[in-house]
Each structure stands twice: as C-alpha cells, then as structure tokens.
C-alpha cells in the first residue's frame, strides 16, 4: 500500500513536470523546427501526458509490475534529449 502511494505521488509530480518545463521546451523546439518535427514533438509530449494517469490507474486497479516506471523515466530522458533542450520562457 505504501509503495502504491509513493509511486502515485511520483507520477503526480511527474505530470507537473510534463506540464510545466516540458511544454516550454516543446514550444521552443516547435518555433525552431519544421512542422513535421513539431508535430512529432507534440505527439510525443501528449503521449507522455496521457501515460501518467493510465499508470496511476494501473497501480491501483491492476497487479502491475513497477518496471514501467523505469520506462517512463527513460521516456522523459528521451524527450529531454530530443525536444526539451531549451527550457527558457523567452
């Protein structure tokens, strides 16, 4: 039960991270690249945003293994590497 609570808090904080800093990086990336690359970046960001509530649901209502969190962290690192380099607000 404690692990479910801790992982849910981690996912909630991760959603905030996806909403705030990643959207600044996404907007800066879209401004400096062509439309196709911008569309790919937006779809990736939207996928990251949607996977968090699905994982919270899976934690509480399914017998889920926690290796999915490692995949989520890897997906965030990939987003940082590809699209989120410039997190400035200018």
PDB file of N, CA and C in Angstrom:
ATOM      1  N   UNK A   1       0.817  -1.193   0.000  1.00  0.00           N
ATOM      2  CA  UNK A   1       0.000   0.000   0.000  1.00  0.00           C
ATOM      3  C   UNK A   1       0.864   1.263   0.000  1.00  0.00           C
ATOM      4  N   UNK A   2       1.921   1.253   0.797  1.00  0.00           N
ATOM      5  CA  UNK A   2       2.817   2.403   0.857  1.00  0.00           C
ATOM      6  C   UNK A   2       3.484   2.636  -0.497  1.00  0.00           C
ATOM      7  N   UNK A   3       3.872   1.547  -1.160  1.00  0.00           N
ATOM      8  CA  UNK A   3       4.513   1.683  -2.473  1.00  0.00           C
ATOM      9  C   UNK A   3       3.549   2.283  -3.490  1.00  0.00           C
ATOM     10  N   UNK A   4       2.287   1.898  -3.430  1.00  0.00           N
ATOM     11  CA  UNK A   4       1.302   2.469  -4.344  1.00  0.00           C
ATOM     12  C   UNK A   4       1.160   3.961  -4.123  1.00  0.00           C
ATOM     13  N   UNK A   5       1.143   4.373  -2.871  1.00  0.00           N
ATOM     14  CA  UNK A   5       1.030   5.803  -2.551  1.00  0.00           C
ATOM     15  C   UNK A   5       2.267   6.551  -3.034  1.00  0.00           C
ATOM     16  N   UNK A   6       3.436   6.005  -2.765  1.00  0.00           N
ATOM     17  CA  UNK A   6       4.675   6.666  -3.176  1.00  0.00           C
ATOM     18  C   UNK A   6       4.775   6.785  -4.698  1.00  0.00           C
ATOM     19  N   UNK A   7       4.443   5.726  -5.397  1.00  0.00           N
ATOM     20  CA  UNK A   7       4.505   5.789  -6.852  1.00  0.00           C
ATOM     21  C   UNK A   7       3.435   6.715  -7.420  1.00  0.00           C
ATOM     22  N   UNK A   8       2.288   6.798  -6.763  1.00  0.00           N
ATOM     23  CA  UNK A   8       1.257   7.737  -7.213  1.00  0.00           C
ATOM     24  C   UNK A   8       1.712   9.179  -7.033  1.00  0.00           C
ATOM     25  N   UNK A   9       2.375   9.462  -5.919  1.00  0.00           N
ATOM     26  CA  UNK A   9       2.919  10.811  -5.694  1.00  0.00           C
ATOM     27  C   UNK A   9       3.998  11.114  -6.728  1.00  0.00           C
ATOM     28  N   UNK A  10       4.856  10.144  -6.994  1.00  0.00           N
ATOM     29  CA  UNK A  10       5.878  10.319  -8.024  1.00  0.00           C
ATOM     30  C   UNK A  10       5.251  10.637  -9.380  1.00  0.00           C
ATOM     31  N   UNK A  11       4.205   9.918  -9.726  1.00  0.00           N
ATOM     32  CA  UNK A  11       3.540  10.156 -11.011  1.00  0.00           C
ATOM     33  C   UNK A  11       2.847  11.508 -11.048  1.00  0.00           C
ATOM     34  N   UNK A  12       2.265  11.922  -9.945  1.00  0.00           N
ATOM     35  CA  UNK A  12       1.620  13.236  -9.904  1.00  0.00           C
ATOM     36  C   UNK A  12       2.653  14.346 -10.088  1.00  0.00           C
ATOM     37  N   UNK A  13       3.799  14.214  -9.453  1.00  0.00           N
ATOM     38  CA  UNK A  13       4.866  15.203  -9.635  1.00  0.00           C
ATOM     39  C   UNK A  13       5.410  15.155 -11.061  1.00  0.00           C
ATOM     40  N   UNK A  14       5.452  13.983 -11.624  1.00  0.00           N
ATOM     41  CA  UNK A  14       5.920  13.827 -12.997  1.00  0.00           C
ATOM     42  C   UNK A  14       4.956  14.480 -13.996  1.00  0.00           C
ATOM     43  N   UNK A  15       3.656  14.444 -13.693  1.00  0.00           N
ATOM     44  CA  UNK A  15       2.683  15.134 -14.543  1.00  0.00           C
ATOM     45  C   UNK A  15       2.935  16.637 -14.507  1.00  0.00           C
ATOM     46  N   UNK A  16       3.205  17.166 -13.317  1.00  0.00           N
ATOM     47  CA  UNK A  16       3.517  18.599 -13.215  1.00  0.00           C
ATOM     48  C   UNK A  16       4.774  18.941 -14.002  1.00  0.00           C
ATOM     49  N   UNK A  17       5.761  18.062 -13.942  1.00  0.00           N
ATOM     50  CA  UNK A  17       6.989  18.287 -14.706  1.00  0.00           C
ATOM     51  C   UNK A  17       6.699  18.265 -16.207  1.00  0.00           C
ATOM     52  N   UNK A  18       5.834  17.351 -16.628  1.00  0.00           N
ATOM     53  CA  UNK A  18       5.480  17.257 -18.042  1.00  0.00           C
ATOM     54  C   UNK A  18       4.701  18.485 -18.483  1.00  0.00           C
ATOM     55  N   UNK A  19       3.845  18.997 -17.621  1.00  0.00           N
ATOM     56  CA  UNK A  19       3.040  20.166 -17.979  1.00  0.00           C
ATOM     57  C   UNK A  19       3.850  21.457 -18.008  1.00  0.00           C
ATOM     58  N   UNK A  20       4.708  21.664 -17.037  1.00  0.00           N
ATOM     59  CA  UNK A  20       5.367  22.963 -16.949  1.00  0.00           C
ATOM     60  C   UNK A  20       6.675  23.055 -17.742  1.00  0.00           C
ATOM     61  N   UNK A  21       7.766  22.445 -17.302  1.00  0.00           N
ATOM     62  CA  UNK A  21       9.012  22.643 -18.054  1.00  0.00           C
ATOM     63  C   UNK A  21       8.990  22.046 -19.453  1.00  0.00           C
ATOM     64  N   UNK A  22       8.386  20.878 -19.612  1.00  0.00           N
ATOM     65  CA  UNK A  22       8.418  20.244 -20.932  1.00  0.00           C
ATOM     66  C   UNK A  22       7.648  21.042 -21.967  1.00  0.00           C
ATOM     67  N   UNK A  23       6.578  21.729 -21.562  1.00  0.00           N
ATOM     68  CA  UNK A  23       5.829  22.500 -22.550  1.00  0.00           C
ATOM     69  C   UNK A  23       6.644  23.706 -23.022  1.00  0.00           C
ATOM     70  N   UNK A  24       7.477  24.283 -22.159  1.00  0.00           N
ATOM     71  CA  UNK A  24       8.355  25.365 -22.602  1.00  0.00           C
ATOM     72  C   UNK A  24       9.387  24.848 -23.602  1.00  0.00           C
ATOM     73  N   UNK A  25       9.966  23.692 -23.301  1.00  0.00           N
ATOM     74  CA  UNK A  25      10.909  23.094 -24.237  1.00  0.00           C
ATOM     75  C   UNK A  25      10.248  22.731 -25.549  1.00  0.00           C
ATOM     76  N   UNK A  26       9.026  22.239 -25.482  1.00  0.00           N
ATOM     77  CA  UNK A  26       8.285  21.876 -26.683  1.00  0.00           C
ATOM     78  C   UNK A  26       8.013  23.098 -27.544  1.00  0.00           C
ATOM     79  N   UNK A  27       7.565  24.177 -26.939  1.00  0.00           N
ATOM     80  CA  UNK A  27       7.265  25.387 -27.706  1.00  0.00           C
ATOM     81  C   UNK A  27       8.525  25.962 -28.356  1.00  0.00           C
ATOM     82  N   UNK A  28       9.629  25.963 -27.634  1.00  0.00           N
ATOM     83  CA  UNK A  28      10.884  26.445 -28.218  1.00  0.00           C
ATOM     84  C   UNK A  28      11.350  25.542 -29.350  1.00  0.00           C
ATOM     85  N   UNK A  29      11.139  24.246 -29.215  1.00  0.00           N
ATOM     86  CA  UNK A  29      11.520  23.305 -30.278  1.00  0.00           C
ATOM     87  C   UNK A  29      10.656  23.532 -31.518  1.00  0.00           C
ATOM     88  N   UNK A  30       9.343  23.692 -31.320  1.00  0.00           N
ATOM     89  CA  UNK A  30       8.423  23.879 -32.447  1.00  0.00           C
ATOM     90  C   UNK A  30       8.749  25.172 -33.199  1.00  0.00           C
ATOM     91  N   UNK A  31       9.128  26.230 -32.464  1.00  0.00           N
ATOM     92  CA  UNK A  31       9.469  27.503 -33.105  1.00  0.00           C
ATOM     93  C   UNK A  31      10.688  27.393 -34.006  1.00  0.00           C
ATOM     94  N   UNK A  32      11.626  26.530 -33.629  1.00  0.00           N
ATOM     95  CA  UNK A  32      12.889  26.487 -34.359  1.00  0.00           C
ATOM     96  C   UNK A  32      13.004  25.327 -35.350  1.00  0.00           C
ATOM     97  N   UNK A  33      11.954  24.516 -35.500  1.00  0.00           N
ATOM     98  CA  UNK A  33      12.000  23.381 -36.420  1.00  0.00           C
ATOM     99  C   UNK A  33      10.789  23.402 -37.354  1.00  0.00           C
ATOM    100  N   UNK A  34      10.820  22.529 -38.347  1.00  0.00           N
ATOM    101  CA  UNK A  34       9.727  22.497 -39.319  1.00  0.00           C
ATOM    102  C   UNK A  34       8.457  21.885 -38.723  1.00  0.00           C
ATOM    103  N   UNK A  35       7.371  21.919 -39.485  1.00  0.00           N
ATOM    104  CA  UNK A  35       6.065  21.489 -38.973  1.00  0.00           C
ATOM    105  C   UNK A  35       6.015  20.001 -38.661  1.00  0.00           C
ATOM    106  N   UNK A  36       6.645  19.177 -39.466  1.00  0.00           N
ATOM    107  CA  UNK A  36       6.624  17.742 -39.217  1.00  0.00           C
ATOM    108  C   UNK A  36       7.334  17.401 -37.906  1.00  0.00           C
ATOM    109  N   UNK A  37       8.495  17.967 -37.701  1.00  0.00           N
ATOM    110  CA  UNK A  37       9.218  17.726 -36.441  1.00  0.00           C
ATOM    111  C   UNK A  37       8.414  18.257 -35.254  1.00  0.00           C
ATOM    112  N   UNK A  38       7.764  19.399 -35.442  1.00  0.00           N
ATOM    113  CA  UNK A  38       6.916  19.954 -34.390  1.00  0.00           C
ATOM    114  C   UNK A  38       5.738  19.050 -34.077  1.00  0.00           C
ATOM    115  N   UNK A  39       5.151  18.452 -35.105  1.00  0.00           N
ATOM    116  CA  UNK A  39       4.037  17.534 -34.900  1.00  0.00           C
ATOM    117  C   UNK A  39       4.484  16.273 -34.155  1.00  0.00           C
ATOM    118  N   UNK A  40       5.632  15.760 -34.509  1.00  0.00           N
ATOM    119  CA  UNK A  40       6.178  14.592 -33.817  1.00  0.00           C
ATOM    120  C   UNK A  40       6.436  14.928 -32.353  1.00  0.00           C
ATOM    121  N   UNK A  41       7.013  16.089 -32.091  1.00  0.00           N
ATOM    122  CA  UNK A  41       7.298  16.506 -30.713  1.00  0.00           C
ATOM    123  C   UNK A  41       6.012  16.673 -29.915  1.00  0.00           C
ATOM    124  N   UNK A  42       4.990  17.268 -30.516  1.00  0.00           N
ATOM    125  CA  UNK A  42       3.714  17.451 -29.809  1.00  0.00           C
ATOM    126  C   UNK A  42       3.050  16.115 -29.512  1.00  0.00           C
ATOM    127  N   UNK A  43       3.099  15.187 -30.446  1.00  0.00           N
ATOM    128  CA  UNK A  43       2.514  13.860 -30.222  1.00  0.00           C
ATOM    129  C   UNK A  43       3.255  13.120 -29.113  1.00  0.00           C
ATOM    130  N   UNK A  44       4.562  13.227 -29.088  1.00  0.00           N
ATOM    131  CA  UNK A  44       5.359  12.598 -28.033  1.00  0.00           C
ATOM    132  C   UNK A  44       4.996  13.194 -26.682  1.00  0.00           C
ATOM    133  N   UNK A  45       4.883  14.535 -26.618  1.00  0.00           N
ATOM    134  CA  UNK A  45       4.530  15.203 -25.367  1.00  0.00           C
ATOM    135  C   UNK A  45       3.131  14.793 -24.908  1.00  0.00           C
ATOM    136  N   UNK A  46       2.196  14.739 -25.835  1.00  0.00           N
ATOM    137  CA  UNK A  46       0.842  14.338 -25.496  1.00  0.00           C
ATOM    138  C   UNK A  46       0.810  12.887 -25.000  1.00  0.00           C
ATOM    139  N   UNK A  47       1.602  12.026 -25.612  1.00  0.00           N
ATOM    140  CA  UNK A  47       1.705  10.649 -25.147  1.00  0.00           C
ATOM    141  C   UNK A  47       2.261  10.567 -23.729  1.00  0.00           C
ATOM    142  N   UNK A  48       3.290  11.372 -23.454  1.00  0.00           N
ATOM    143  CA  UNK A  48       3.830  11.421 -22.097  1.00  0.00           C
ATOM    144  C   UNK A  48       2.770  11.890 -21.113  1.00  0.00           C
ATOM    145  N   UNK A  49       2.014  12.884 -21.521  1.00  0.00           N
ATOM    146  CA  UNK A  49       0.990  13.438 -20.642  1.00  0.00           C
ATOM    147  C   UNK A  49      -0.113  12.420 -20.356  1.00  0.00           C
ATOM    148  N   UNK A  50      -0.481  11.641 -21.333  1.00  0.00           N
ATOM    149  CA  UNK A  50      -1.582  10.682 -21.160  1.00  0.00           C
ATOM    150  C   UNK A  50      -1.161   9.413 -20.425  1.00  0.00           C
ATOM    151  N   UNK A  51       0.111   9.061 -20.473  1.00  0.00           N
ATOM    152  CA  UNK A  51       0.537   7.812 -19.849  1.00  0.00           C
ATOM    153  C   UNK A  51       0.537   7.902 -18.322  1.00  0.00           C
ATOM    154  N   UNK A  52       0.704   9.093 -17.764  1.00  0.00           N
ATOM    155  CA  UNK A  52       0.749   9.230 -16.311  1.00  0.00           C
ATOM    156  C   UNK A  52      -0.549   8.809 -15.627  1.00  0.00           C
ATOM    157  N   UNK A  53      -1.715   9.344 -16.022  1.00  0.00           N
ATOM    158  CA  UNK A  53      -2.943   8.881 -15.358  1.00  0.00           C
ATOM    159  C   UNK A  53      -3.234   7.399 -15.617  1.00  0.00           C
ATOM    160  N   UNK A  54      -2.831   6.904 -16.776  1.00  0.00           N
ATOM    161  CA  UNK A  54      -3.022   5.478 -17.042  1.00  0.00           C
ATOM    162  C   UNK A  54      -2.184   4.617 -16.097  1.00  0.00           C
ATOM    163  N   UNK A  55      -0.974   5.063 -15.814  1.00  0.00           N
ATOM    164  CA  UNK A  55      -0.137   4.320 -14.875  1.00  0.00           C
ATOM    165  C   UNK A  55      -0.676   4.407 -13.452  1.00  0.00           C
ATOM    166  N   UNK A  56      -1.196   5.560 -13.057  1.00  0.00           N
ATOM    167  CA  UNK A  56      -1.805   5.675 -11.730  1.00  0.00           C
ATOM    168  C   UNK A  56      -2.984   4.714 -11.623  1.00  0.00           C
ATOM    169  N   UNK A  57      -3.803   4.666 -12.644  1.00  0.00           N
ATOM    170  CA  UNK A  57      -4.931   3.739 -12.653  1.00  0.00           C
ATOM    171  C   UNK A  57      -4.443   2.294 -12.581  1.00  0.00           C
ATOM    172  N   UNK A  58      -3.409   1.989 -13.339  1.00  0.00           N
ATOM    173  CA  UNK A  58      -2.882   0.614 -13.356  1.00  0.00           C
ATOM    174  C   UNK A  58      -2.287   0.226 -12.008  1.00  0.00           C
ATOM    175  N   UNK A  59      -1.678   1.166 -11.312  1.00  0.00           N
ATOM    176  CA  UNK A  59      -1.111   0.868  -9.996  1.00  0.00           C
ATOM    177  C   UNK A  59      -2.198   0.434  -9.022  1.00  0.00           C
ATOM    178  N   UNK A  60      -3.309   1.152  -9.037  1.00  0.00           N
ATOM    179  CA  UNK A  60      -4.333   0.919  -8.029  1.00  0.00           C
ATOM    180  C   UNK A  60      -5.309  -0.190  -8.384  1.00  0.00           C
ATOM    181  N   UNK A  61      -5.523  -0.455  -9.645  1.00  0.00           N
ATOM    182  CA  UNK A  61      -6.575  -1.401 -10.008  1.00  0.00           C
ATOM    183  C   UNK A  61      -6.086  -2.655 -10.730  1.00  0.00           C
ATOM    184  N   UNK A  62      -4.821  -2.739 -11.011  1.00  0.00           N
ATOM    185  CA  UNK A  62      -4.269  -3.934 -11.650  1.00  0.00           C
ATOM    186  C   UNK A  62      -3.035  -4.375 -10.889  1.00  0.00           C
ATOM    187  N   UNK A  63      -2.693  -5.624 -11.043  1.00  0.00           N
ATOM    188  CA  UNK A  63      -1.464  -6.128 -10.438  1.00  0.00           C
ATOM    189  C   UNK A  63      -0.321  -5.815 -11.390  1.00  0.00           C
ATOM    190  N   UNK A  64       0.274  -4.656 -11.195  1.00  0.00           N
ATOM    191  CA  UNK A  64       1.248  -4.128 -12.137  1.00  0.00           C
ATOM    192  C   UNK A  64       2.658  -4.266 -11.578  1.00  0.00           C
ATOM    193  N   UNK A  65       3.596  -4.567 -12.434  1.00  0.00           N
ATOM    194  CA  UNK A  65       4.992  -4.550 -12.029  1.00  0.00           C
ATOM    195  C   UNK A  65       5.502  -3.121 -12.155  1.00  0.00           C
ATOM    196  N   UNK A  66       6.462  -2.787 -11.338  1.00  0.00           N
ATOM    197  CA  UNK A  66       6.923  -1.411 -11.257  1.00  0.00           C
ATOM    198  C   UNK A  66       8.045  -1.076 -12.223  1.00  0.00           C
ATOM    199  N   UNK A  67       8.396  -1.998 -13.118  1.00  0.00           N
ATOM    200  CA  UNK A  67       9.421  -1.686 -14.117  1.00  0.00           C
ATOM    201  C   UNK A  67       8.892  -0.669 -15.121  1.00  0.00           C
ATOM    202  N   UNK A  68       7.576  -0.486 -15.187  1.00  0.00           N
ATOM    203  CA  UNK A  68       7.001   0.524 -16.090  1.00  0.00           C
ATOM    204  C   UNK A  68       7.497   1.917 -15.740  1.00  0.00           C
ATOM    205  N   UNK A  69       7.828   2.137 -14.468  1.00  0.00           N
ATOM    206  CA  UNK A  69       8.338   3.442 -14.065  1.00  0.00           C
ATOM    207  C   UNK A  69       9.711   3.701 -14.656  1.00  0.00           C
ATOM    208  N   UNK A  70      10.498   2.670 -14.788  1.00  0.00           N
ATOM    209  CA  UNK A  70      11.796   2.844 -15.436  1.00  0.00           C
ATOM    210  C   UNK A  70      11.620   3.223 -16.900  1.00  0.00           C
ATOM    211  N   UNK A  71      10.628   2.634 -17.551  1.00  0.00           N
ATOM    212  CA  UNK A  71      10.335   3.008 -18.938  1.00  0.00           C
ATOM    213  C   UNK A  71       9.843   4.447 -19.029  1.00  0.00           C
ATOM    214  N   UNK A  72       9.040   4.879 -18.066  1.00  0.00           N
ATOM    215  CA  UNK A  72       8.561   6.261 -18.049  1.00  0.00           C
ATOM    216  C   UNK A  72       9.712   7.242 -17.849  1.00  0.00           C
ATOM    217  N   UNK A  73      10.605   6.921 -16.951  1.00  0.00           N
ATOM    218  CA  UNK A  73      11.777   7.780 -16.727  1.00  0.00           C
ATOM    219  C   UNK A  73      12.638   7.822 -17.988  1.00  0.00           C
ATOM    220  N   UNK A  74      12.803   6.692 -18.635  1.00  0.00           N
ATOM    221  CA  UNK A  74      13.565   6.662 -19.892  1.00  0.00           C
ATOM    222  C   UNK A  74      12.867   7.490 -20.965  1.00  0.00           C
ATOM    223  N   UNK A  75      11.542   7.450 -21.012  1.00  0.00           N
ATOM    224  CA  UNK A  75      10.806   8.259 -21.988  1.00  0.00           C
ATOM    225  C   UNK A  75      10.984   9.749 -21.711  1.00  0.00           C
ATOM    226  N   UNK A  76      11.011  10.126 -20.441  1.00  0.00           N
ATOM    227  CA  UNK A  76      11.257  11.529 -20.098  1.00  0.00           C
ATOM    228  C   UNK A  76      12.680  11.940 -20.489  1.00  0.00           C
ATOM    229  N   UNK A  77      13.636  11.077 -20.251  1.00  0.00           N
ATOM    230  CA  UNK A  77      15.019  11.391 -20.625  1.00  0.00           C
ATOM    231  C   UNK A  77      15.160  11.520 -22.148  1.00  0.00           C
ATOM    232  N   UNK A  78      14.459  10.671 -22.887  1.00  0.00           N
ATOM    233  CA  UNK A  78      14.481  10.766 -24.339  1.00  0.00           C
ATOM    234  C   UNK A  78      13.845  12.072 -24.808  1.00  0.00           C
ATOM    235  N   UNK A  79      12.750  12.464 -24.180  1.00  0.00           N
ATOM    236  CA  UNK A  79      12.114  13.733 -24.533  1.00  0.00           C
ATOM    237  C   UNK A  79      13.067  14.889 -24.261  1.00  0.00           C
ATOM    238  N   UNK A  80      13.744  14.859 -23.123  1.00  0.00           N
ATOM    239  CA  UNK A  80      14.724  15.898 -22.799  1.00  0.00           C
ATOM    240  C   UNK A  80      15.819  15.945 -23.849  1.00  0.00           C
ATOM    241  N   UNK A  81      16.307  14.796 -24.228  1.00  0.00           N
ATOM    242  CA  UNK A  81      17.415  14.725 -25.188  1.00  0.00           C
ATOM    243  C   UNK A  81      17.002  15.221 -26.574  1.00  0.00           C
ATOM    244  N   UNK A  82      15.782  14.890 -26.992  1.00  0.00           N
ATOM    245  CA  UNK A  82      15.346  15.232 -28.343  1.00  0.00           C
ATOM    246  C   UNK A  82      14.702  16.609 -28.445  1.00  0.00           C
ATOM    247  N   UNK A  83      13.775  16.919 -27.543  1.00  0.00           N
ATOM    248  CA  UNK A  83      12.937  18.101 -27.726  1.00  0.00           C
ATOM    249  C   UNK A  83      13.064  19.143 -26.624  1.00  0.00           C
ATOM    250  N   UNK A  84      13.461  18.774 -25.448  1.00  0.00           N
ATOM    251  CA  UNK A  84      13.388  19.683 -24.306  1.00  0.00           C
ATOM    252  C   UNK A  84      14.686  20.351 -23.934  1.00  0.00           C
ATOM    253  N   UNK A  85      15.531  20.599 -24.885  1.00  0.00           N
ATOM    254  CA  UNK A  85      16.837  21.171 -24.546  1.00  0.00           C
ATOM    255  C   UNK A  85      16.750  22.613 -24.084  1.00  0.00           C
ATOM    256  N   UNK A  86      15.901  23.406 -24.728  1.00  0.00           N
ATOM    257  CA  UNK A  86      15.790  24.822 -24.376  1.00  0.00           C
ATOM    258  C   UNK A  86      14.515  25.011 -23.568  1.00  0.00           C
ATOM    259  N   UNK A  87      14.668  25.119 -22.256  1.00  0.00           N
ATOM    260  CA  UNK A  87      13.504  25.255 -21.381  1.00  0.00           C
ATOM    261  C   UNK A  87      13.231  26.702 -21.005  1.00  0.00           C
ATOM    262  N   UNK A  88      13.833  27.649 -21.730  1.00  0.00           N
ATOM    263  CA  UNK A  88      13.641  29.056 -21.445  1.00  0.00           C
ATOM    264  C   UNK A  88      12.228  29.522 -21.802  1.00  0.00           C
ATOM    265  N   UNK A  89      11.826  30.627 -21.203  1.00  0.00           N
ATOM    266  CA  UNK A  89      10.472  31.134 -21.410  1.00  0.00           C
ATOM    267  C   UNK A  89      10.445  32.337 -22.347  1.00  0.00           C
ATOM    268  N   UNK A  90      11.479  32.564 -23.105  1.00  0.00           N
ATOM    269  CA  UNK A  90      11.502  33.739 -23.999  1.00  0.00           C
ATOM    270  C   UNK A  90      10.823  33.478 -25.302  1.00  0.00           C
TER     271      UNK A  90
END
